[in-house]
C-alpha atoms as a PDB file:
ATOM      1  CA  MET A   1       0.000   0.000   0.000  1.00  0.00           C
ATOM      2  CA  PRO A   2       1.451   3.371  -0.948  1.00  0.00           C
ATOM      3  CA  SER A   3       2.523   5.656   1.870  1.00  0.00           C
ATOM      4  CA  GLU A   4       0.116   8.384   0.714  1.00  0.00           C
ATOM      5  CA  VAL A   5      -2.839   6.074   1.281  1.00  0.00           C
ATOM      6  CA  ILE A   6      -1.603   5.162   4.766  1.00  0.00           C
ATOM      7  CA  VAL A   7      -1.128   8.834   5.612  1.00  0.00           C
ATOM      8  CA  GLY A   8      -4.625   9.581   4.264  1.00  0.00           C
ATOM      9  CA  ILE A   9      -6.183   6.796   6.361  1.00  0.00           C
ATOM     10  CA  LEU A  10      -4.323   7.952   9.484  1.00  0.00           C
ATOM     11  CA  ALA A  11      -5.445  11.533   8.833  1.00  0.00           C
ATOM     12  CA  LEU A  12      -9.042  10.343   8.419  1.00  0.00           C
ATOM     13  CA  ILE A  13      -8.861   8.365  11.665  1.00  0.00           C
ATOM     14  CA  GLY A  14      -7.345  11.354  13.471  1.00  0.00           C
ATOM     15  CA  THR A  15     -10.037  13.649  12.108  1.00  0.00           C
ATOM     16  CA  LEU A  16     -12.817  11.281  13.124  1.00  0.00           C
ATOM     17  CA  VAL A  17     -11.405  10.799  16.628  1.00  0.00           C
ATOM     18  CA  GLY A  18     -10.944  14.558  17.086  1.00  0.00           C
ATOM     19  CA  THR A  19     -14.413  15.334  15.795  1.00  0.00           C
ATOM     20  CA  LEU A  20     -16.115  12.700  17.938  1.00  0.00           C
ATOM     21  CA  GLY A  21     -14.108  13.792  20.982  1.00  0.00           C
ATOM     22  CA  GLY A  22     -15.137  17.396  20.416  1.00  0.00           C
ATOM     23  CA  ILE A  23     -18.780  16.423  20.060  1.00  0.00           C
ATOM     24  CA  ILE A  24     -18.681  14.402  23.289  1.00  0.00           C
ATOM     25  CA  VAL A  25     -16.976  17.167  25.262  1.00  0.00           C
ATOM     26  CA  SER A  26     -19.351  19.753  23.836  1.00  0.00           C
ATOM     27  CA  SER A  27     -22.421  17.696  24.722  1.00  0.00           C
ATOM     28  CA  LYS A  28     -21.129  17.188  28.281  1.00  0.00           C
ATOM     29  CA  LEU A  29     -20.639  20.939  28.648  1.00  0.00           C
ATOM     30  CA  VAL A  30     -24.119  21.655  27.292  1.00  0.00           C
ATOM     31  CA  ASN A  31     -25.634  19.104  29.686  1.00  0.00           C
ATOM     32  CA  PHE A  32     -23.748  20.618  32.616  1.00  0.00           C
ATOM     33  CA  ARG A  33     -24.924  24.116  31.744  1.00  0.00           C
ATOM     34  CA  LEU A  34     -28.504  22.908  31.345  1.00  0.00           C
ATOM     35  CA  GLU A  35     -28.360  21.344  34.810  1.00  0.00           C
ATOM     36  CA  GLN A  36     -27.074  24.607  36.254  1.00  0.00           C
ATOM     37  CA  LEU A  37     -29.854  26.566  34.538  1.00  0.00           C
ATOM     38  CA  GLU A  38     -32.444  24.096  35.810  1.00  0.00           C
ATOM     39  CA  LYS A  39     -31.175  24.639  39.361  1.00  0.00           C
ATOM     40  CA  ARG A  40     -31.434  28.404  38.935  1.00  0.00           C
ATOM     41  CA  VAL A  41     -34.941  28.136  37.524  1.00  0.00           C
ATOM     42  CA  GLY A  42     -35.902  25.913  40.445  1.00  0.00           C
ATOM     43  CA  GLU A  43     -34.570  28.484  42.894  1.00  0.00           C
ATOM     44  CA  HIS A  44     -36.427  31.231  41.050  1.00  0.00           C
ATOM     45  CA  ASN A  45     -39.671  29.261  41.071  1.00  0.00           C
ATOM     46  CA  ASN A  46     -39.305  28.662  44.798  1.00  0.00           C
ATOM     47  CA  PHE A  47     -38.779  32.381  45.332  1.00  0.00           C
ATOM     48  CA  ALA A  48     -41.733  33.234  43.095  1.00  0.00           C
ATOM     49  CA  MET A  49     -43.953  30.928  45.143  1.00  0.00           C
ATOM     50  CA  ARG A  50     -42.876  32.550  48.408  1.00  0.00           C
ATOM     51  CA  ILE A  51     -43.573  36.135  47.300  1.00  0.00           C
ATOM     52  CA  PRO A  52     -47.397  35.930  47.529  1.00  0.00           C
ATOM     53  CA  ALA A  53     -47.141  34.452  51.029  1.00  0.00           C
ATOM     54  CA  LEU A  54     -44.836  37.276  52.091  1.00  0.00           C
ATOM     55  CA  GLU A  55     -47.166  39.847  50.573  1.00  0.00           C
ATOM     56  CA  GLU A  56     -50.069  38.372  52.511  1.00  0.00           C
ATOM     57  CA  LYS A  57     -48.122  38.546  55.785  1.00  0.00           C
ATOM     58  CA  ILE A  58     -47.147  42.143  55.081  1.00  0.00           C
ATOM     59  CA  ASP A  59     -50.764  43.032  54.323  1.00  0.00           C
ATOM     60  CA  GLU A  60     -51.912  41.405  57.565  1.00  0.00           C
ATOM     61  CA  ARG A  61     -49.324  43.310  59.577  1.00  0.00           C
ATOM     62  CA  PHE A  62     -50.173  46.557  57.825  1.00  0.00           C
ATOM     63  CA  ASP A  63     -53.860  46.038  58.599  1.00  0.00           C
ATOM     64  CA  ALA A  64     -53.033  45.321  62.248  1.00  0.00           C
ATOM     65  CA  TYR A  65     -50.926  48.482  62.484  1.00  0.00           C
ATOM     66  CA  ASP A  66     -53.675  50.452  60.784  1.00  0.00           C
ATOM     67  CA  ARG A  67     -56.239  49.199  63.329  1.00  0.00           C
ATOM     68  CA  ARG A  68     -53.916  50.070  66.217  1.00  0.00           C
ATOM     69  CA  LEU A  69     -53.374  53.544  64.803  1.00  0.00           C
ATOM     70  CA  LYS A  70     -57.122  54.114  64.495  1.00  0.00           C
ATOM     71  CA  ILE A  71     -57.597  53.025  68.118  1.00  0.00           C
ATOM     72  CA  LEU A  72     -54.886  55.424  69.264  1.00  0.00           C
ATOM     73  CA  GLU A  73     -56.386  58.253  67.215  1.00  0.00           C
ATOM     74  CA  GLU A  74     -59.838  57.614  68.736  1.00  0.00           C
ATOM     75  CA  ARG A  75     -58.400  57.839  72.260  1.00  0.00           C
ATOM     76  CA  GLN A  76     -56.999  61.307  71.652  1.00  0.00           C
END
């Protein structure tokens, strides 16, 4: 077999190995970044669920303070 053919085959094998290796590494990186984004979205969703509960507590406290203020104003 001529040396040019052997060099061509070796170059093809090297190209295939490099390409497949790059695809594998790239897909691992994409999967890792997707996992990180999913964690962030989960944290955001948890925060978004807590906001209405906090707003309700604030409203309750504000109403209580408003009632106390009205009582104090009536006494004066």
